[in-house]
């Protein structure tokens, strides 16, 4: 039984010493650096943008989004009491599955008070957007959520 005594005491010492000696901590600065967007990461895309150079895919993606929303709003025929034009910035979320949703509307020109049904029309325009190919974080090798700020120019006709 004596040959097992050193093994027993070693195991007992290991169990009672605690786990703090075995923890690894990653500094917050390294986590932040790893999660920042880089040129190597894949921006969300649409099928029609996939054949382009990677540098042009982001421009294509934003153009498709902008065109789809603008065309929808033109089709709705926005009406105002007086000729109105201005800019909005839409904050959109493209989730890990490629679904696009509206997070926020930044309305510095207060267009929503001047144009009837503007906010519901924007919500409908975003809801009808096609599903995108999700963004990919290359250093992690997985799909990620991404928030996009999309400027939109609005012009409304009078009644």
C-alpha atoms as a PDB file:
ATOM      1  CA  UNK A   1       0.000   0.000   0.000  1.00  0.00           C
ATOM      2  CA  UNK A   2       2.986   2.326   0.458  1.00  0.00           C
ATOM      3  CA  UNK A   3       3.697   2.746  -3.298  1.00  0.00           C
ATOM      4  CA  UNK A   4       0.327   4.475  -3.687  1.00  0.00           C
ATOM      5  CA  UNK A   5       0.876   6.998  -0.862  1.00  0.00           C
ATOM      6  CA  UNK A   6       2.746   9.592  -3.000  1.00  0.00           C
ATOM      7  CA  UNK A   7       0.068   9.376  -5.711  1.00  0.00           C
ATOM      8  CA  UNK A   8      -2.711   9.737  -3.128  1.00  0.00           C
ATOM      9  CA  UNK A   9      -1.129  12.780  -1.500  1.00  0.00           C
ATOM     10  CA  UNK A  10      -0.429  14.377  -4.890  1.00  0.00           C
ATOM     11  CA  UNK A  11      -4.054  13.965  -5.931  1.00  0.00           C
ATOM     12  CA  UNK A  12      -5.301  15.250  -2.571  1.00  0.00           C
ATOM     13  CA  UNK A  13      -3.054  18.308  -2.835  1.00  0.00           C
ATOM     14  CA  UNK A  14      -4.263  18.961  -6.370  1.00  0.00           C
ATOM     15  CA  UNK A  15      -7.934  18.756  -5.339  1.00  0.00           C
ATOM     16  CA  UNK A  16      -7.554  21.086  -2.372  1.00  0.00           C
ATOM     17  CA  UNK A  17      -5.350  23.654  -4.101  1.00  0.00           C
ATOM     18  CA  UNK A  18      -8.217  25.094  -6.149  1.00  0.00           C
ATOM     19  CA  UNK A  19      -8.699  25.965  -9.776  1.00  0.00           C
ATOM     20  CA  UNK A  20      -7.423  29.537  -9.755  1.00  0.00           C
ATOM     21  CA  UNK A  21      -3.993  28.299 -10.815  1.00  0.00           C
ATOM     22  CA  UNK A  22      -5.472  26.806 -13.976  1.00  0.00           C
ATOM     23  CA  UNK A  23      -7.611  29.728 -15.187  1.00  0.00           C
ATOM     24  CA  UNK A  24      -6.606  31.651 -18.261  1.00  0.00           C
ATOM     25  CA  UNK A  25      -7.720  35.208 -18.791  1.00  0.00           C
ATOM     26  CA  UNK A  26      -7.828  37.055 -22.082  1.00  0.00           C
ATOM     27  CA  UNK A  27      -7.324  40.810 -21.723  1.00  0.00           C
ATOM     28  CA  UNK A  28     -10.282  42.949 -22.813  1.00  0.00           C
ATOM     29  CA  UNK A  29      -8.078  44.737 -25.349  1.00  0.00           C
ATOM     30  CA  UNK A  30      -7.391  41.440 -27.143  1.00  0.00           C
ATOM     31  CA  UNK A  31     -11.101  40.584 -27.205  1.00  0.00           C
ATOM     32  CA  UNK A  32     -11.931  44.011 -28.614  1.00  0.00           C
ATOM     33  CA  UNK A  33      -9.197  43.715 -31.248  1.00  0.00           C
ATOM     34  CA  UNK A  34     -10.422  40.266 -32.336  1.00  0.00           C
ATOM     35  CA  UNK A  35     -14.007  41.488 -32.728  1.00  0.00           C
ATOM     36  CA  UNK A  36     -13.238  44.642 -34.728  1.00  0.00           C
ATOM     37  CA  UNK A  37     -14.179  44.559 -38.402  1.00  0.00           C
ATOM     38  CA  UNK A  38     -11.217  44.157 -40.726  1.00  0.00           C
ATOM     39  CA  UNK A  39     -10.679  44.147 -44.481  1.00  0.00           C
ATOM     40  CA  UNK A  40     -10.337  40.352 -44.368  1.00  0.00           C
ATOM     41  CA  UNK A  41     -13.851  39.894 -42.954  1.00  0.00           C
ATOM     42  CA  UNK A  42     -16.761  39.190 -45.308  1.00  0.00           C
ATOM     43  CA  UNK A  43     -19.456  41.903 -45.329  1.00  0.00           C
ATOM     44  CA  UNK A  44     -23.057  40.685 -45.849  1.00  0.00           C
ATOM     45  CA  UNK A  45     -23.928  40.231 -49.478  1.00  0.00           C
ATOM     46  CA  UNK A  46     -26.644  39.373 -51.964  1.00  0.00           C
ATOM     47  CA  UNK A  47     -26.327  36.711 -54.661  1.00  0.00           C
ATOM     48  CA  UNK A  48     -26.013  39.382 -57.379  1.00  0.00           C
ATOM     49  CA  UNK A  49     -22.985  40.869 -55.598  1.00  0.00           C
ATOM     50  CA  UNK A  50     -21.060  37.625 -55.103  1.00  0.00           C
ATOM     51  CA  UNK A  51     -19.262  37.667 -58.480  1.00  0.00           C
ATOM     52  CA  UNK A  52     -17.688  41.064 -57.747  1.00  0.00           C
ATOM     53  CA  UNK A  53     -14.322  41.764 -56.145  1.00  0.00           C
ATOM     54  CA  UNK A  54     -14.532  41.710 -52.351  1.00  0.00           C
ATOM     55  CA  UNK A  55     -13.909  45.466 -52.217  1.00  0.00           C
ATOM     56  CA  UNK A  56     -16.925  46.096 -54.499  1.00  0.00           C
ATOM     57  CA  UNK A  57     -19.271  43.679 -52.710  1.00  0.00           C
ATOM     58  CA  UNK A  58     -19.963  46.080 -49.837  1.00  0.00           C
ATOM     59  CA  UNK A  59     -20.854  48.897 -52.239  1.00  0.00           C
ATOM     60  CA  UNK A  60     -23.081  46.524 -54.210  1.00  0.00           C
ATOM     61  CA  UNK A  61     -24.822  45.298 -51.039  1.00  0.00           C
ATOM     62  CA  UNK A  62     -25.537  48.827 -49.800  1.00  0.00           C
ATOM     63  CA  UNK A  63     -26.704  49.870 -53.276  1.00  0.00           C
ATOM     64  CA  UNK A  64     -29.153  46.950 -53.505  1.00  0.00           C
ATOM     65  CA  UNK A  65     -30.518  47.814 -50.043  1.00  0.00           C
ATOM     66  CA  UNK A  66     -30.850  51.508 -50.852  1.00  0.00           C
ATOM     67  CA  UNK A  67     -32.448  50.882 -54.252  1.00  0.00           C
ATOM     68  CA  UNK A  68     -34.968  48.387 -52.845  1.00  0.00           C
ATOM     69  CA  UNK A  69     -36.052  50.732 -50.048  1.00  0.00           C
ATOM     70  CA  UNK A  70     -36.153  53.817 -52.299  1.00  0.00           C
ATOM     71  CA  UNK A  71     -38.154  51.965 -54.985  1.00  0.00           C
ATOM     72  CA  UNK A  72     -40.632  50.724 -52.392  1.00  0.00           C
ATOM     73  CA  UNK A  73     -41.113  54.237 -50.985  1.00  0.00           C
ATOM     74  CA  UNK A  74     -41.531  55.683 -54.502  1.00  0.00           C
ATOM     75  CA  UNK A  75     -44.148  53.016 -55.244  1.00  0.00           C
ATOM     76  CA  UNK A  76     -46.016  53.982 -52.053  1.00  0.00           C
ATOM     77  CA  UNK A  77     -46.236  57.587 -53.303  1.00  0.00           C
ATOM     78  CA  UNK A  78     -45.425  59.490 -50.126  1.00  0.00           C
ATOM     79  CA  UNK A  79     -47.628  62.555 -49.698  1.00  0.00           C
ATOM     80  CA  UNK A  80     -46.963  65.721 -47.687  1.00  0.00           C
ATOM     81  CA  UNK A  81     -48.823  69.013 -47.145  1.00  0.00           C
ATOM     82  CA  UNK A  82     -45.945  70.916 -48.752  1.00  0.00           C
ATOM     83  CA  UNK A  83     -43.107  69.760 -51.010  1.00  0.00           C
ATOM     84  CA  UNK A  84     -40.694  68.057 -48.641  1.00  0.00           C
ATOM     85  CA  UNK A  85     -37.289  66.532 -48.978  1.00  0.00           C
ATOM     86  CA  UNK A  86     -34.568  65.492 -46.596  1.00  0.00           C
ATOM     87  CA  UNK A  87     -32.441  62.632 -45.391  1.00  0.00           C
ATOM     88  CA  UNK A  88     -32.936  59.714 -43.047  1.00  0.00           C
ATOM     89  CA  UNK A  89     -30.418  57.243 -41.736  1.00  0.00           C
ATOM     90  CA  UNK A  90     -31.705  53.737 -41.192  1.00  0.00           C
ATOM     91  CA  UNK A  91     -29.910  51.529 -38.716  1.00  0.00           C
ATOM     92  CA  UNK A  92     -30.324  47.967 -39.994  1.00  0.00           C
ATOM     93  CA  UNK A  93     -29.352  44.657 -38.447  1.00  0.00           C
ATOM     94  CA  UNK A  94     -28.270  41.762 -40.647  1.00  0.00           C
ATOM     95  CA  UNK A  95     -28.370  38.759 -38.339  1.00  0.00           C
ATOM     96  CA  UNK A  96     -26.394  35.504 -38.464  1.00  0.00           C
ATOM     97  CA  UNK A  97     -29.016  33.966 -40.751  1.00  0.00           C
ATOM     98  CA  UNK A  98     -29.025  36.941 -43.154  1.00  0.00           C
ATOM     99  CA  UNK A  99     -32.400  38.361 -42.081  1.00  0.00           C
ATOM    100  CA  UNK A 100     -32.548  42.144 -42.239  1.00  0.00           C
ATOM    101  CA  UNK A 101     -34.460  44.150 -39.644  1.00  0.00           C
ATOM    102  CA  UNK A 102     -34.860  47.821 -38.789  1.00  0.00           C
ATOM    103  CA  UNK A 103     -33.342  48.859 -35.461  1.00  0.00           C
ATOM    104  CA  UNK A 104     -33.750  52.637 -35.594  1.00  0.00           C
ATOM    105  CA  UNK A 105     -34.628  55.569 -37.846  1.00  0.00           C
ATOM    106  CA  UNK A 106     -32.505  58.705 -37.439  1.00  0.00           C
ATOM    107  CA  UNK A 107     -34.666  61.569 -38.710  1.00  0.00           C
ATOM    108  CA  UNK A 108     -32.687  64.852 -38.367  1.00  0.00           C
ATOM    109  CA  UNK A 109     -34.975  66.697 -40.811  1.00  0.00           C
ATOM    110  CA  UNK A 110     -38.133  65.581 -38.920  1.00  0.00           C
ATOM    111  CA  UNK A 111     -39.579  64.086 -42.091  1.00  0.00           C
ATOM    112  CA  UNK A 112     -41.852  61.677 -40.218  1.00  0.00           C
ATOM    113  CA  UNK A 113     -43.951  64.607 -38.941  1.00  0.00           C
ATOM    114  CA  UNK A 114     -44.156  66.163 -42.423  1.00  0.00           C
ATOM    115  CA  UNK A 115     -44.914  63.044 -44.471  1.00  0.00           C
ATOM    116  CA  UNK A 116     -47.960  60.939 -43.715  1.00  0.00           C
ATOM    117  CA  UNK A 117     -47.254  57.253 -42.977  1.00  0.00           C
ATOM    118  CA  UNK A 118     -43.488  57.550 -43.540  1.00  0.00           C
ATOM    119  CA  UNK A 119     -42.454  55.359 -40.591  1.00  0.00           C
ATOM    120  CA  UNK A 120     -44.863  52.485 -41.410  1.00  0.00           C
ATOM    121  CA  UNK A 121     -43.783  52.655 -45.069  1.00  0.00           C
ATOM    122  CA  UNK A 122     -40.111  52.358 -44.063  1.00  0.00           C
ATOM    123  CA  UNK A 123     -40.929  49.402 -41.806  1.00  0.00           C
ATOM    124  CA  UNK A 124     -42.746  47.713 -44.704  1.00  0.00           C
ATOM    125  CA  UNK A 125     -39.880  48.489 -47.084  1.00  0.00           C
ATOM    126  CA  UNK A 126     -37.366  46.844 -44.757  1.00  0.00           C
ATOM    127  CA  UNK A 127     -39.695  43.870 -44.142  1.00  0.00           C
ATOM    128  CA  UNK A 128     -39.852  43.135 -47.881  1.00  0.00           C
ATOM    129  CA  UNK A 129     -36.055  43.104 -48.348  1.00  0.00           C
ATOM    130  CA  UNK A 130     -34.653  39.781 -49.561  1.00  0.00           C
ATOM    131  CA  UNK A 131     -32.614  37.622 -47.225  1.00  0.00           C
ATOM    132  CA  UNK A 132     -28.903  38.383 -47.445  1.00  0.00           C
ATOM    133  CA  UNK A 133     -25.872  36.180 -47.207  1.00  0.00           C
ATOM    134  CA  UNK A 134     -24.696  36.860 -43.629  1.00  0.00           C
ATOM    135  CA  UNK A 135     -21.456  38.559 -42.655  1.00  0.00           C
ATOM    136  CA  UNK A 136     -18.541  36.306 -41.760  1.00  0.00           C
ATOM    137  CA  UNK A 137     -15.826  37.064 -39.227  1.00  0.00           C
ATOM    138  CA  UNK A 138     -12.801  35.349 -40.755  1.00  0.00           C
ATOM    139  CA  UNK A 139     -10.661  35.120 -37.628  1.00  0.00           C
ATOM    140  CA  UNK A 140     -13.522  33.331 -35.870  1.00  0.00           C
ATOM    141  CA  UNK A 141     -14.785  31.476 -38.955  1.00  0.00           C
ATOM    142  CA  UNK A 142     -18.462  32.015 -38.193  1.00  0.00           C
ATOM    143  CA  UNK A 143     -21.438  34.106 -39.259  1.00  0.00           C
ATOM    144  CA  UNK A 144     -21.968  37.266 -37.219  1.00  0.00           C
ATOM    145  CA  UNK A 145     -24.598  39.946 -36.679  1.00  0.00           C
ATOM    146  CA  UNK A 146     -23.741  43.301 -38.176  1.00  0.00           C
ATOM    147  CA  UNK A 147     -25.348  46.725 -37.829  1.00  0.00           C
ATOM    148  CA  UNK A 148     -25.384  48.953 -40.905  1.00  0.00           C
ATOM    149  CA  UNK A 149     -26.159  52.658 -41.163  1.00  0.00           C
ATOM    150  CA  UNK A 150     -27.905  53.343 -44.481  1.00  0.00           C
ATOM    151  CA  UNK A 151     -28.588  56.949 -45.578  1.00  0.00           C
ATOM    152  CA  UNK A 152     -31.791  57.446 -47.582  1.00  0.00           C
ATOM    153  CA  UNK A 153     -32.878  60.607 -49.376  1.00  0.00           C
ATOM    154  CA  UNK A 154     -36.628  61.231 -49.186  1.00  0.00           C
ATOM    155  CA  UNK A 155     -38.745  63.456 -51.398  1.00  0.00           C
ATOM    156  CA  UNK A 156     -42.501  63.744 -51.013  1.00  0.00           C
ATOM    157  CA  UNK A 157     -45.073  65.207 -53.374  1.00  0.00           C
ATOM    158  CA  UNK A 158     -47.960  67.435 -52.285  1.00  0.00           C
ATOM    159  CA  UNK A 159     -51.609  66.421 -52.210  1.00  0.00           C
END
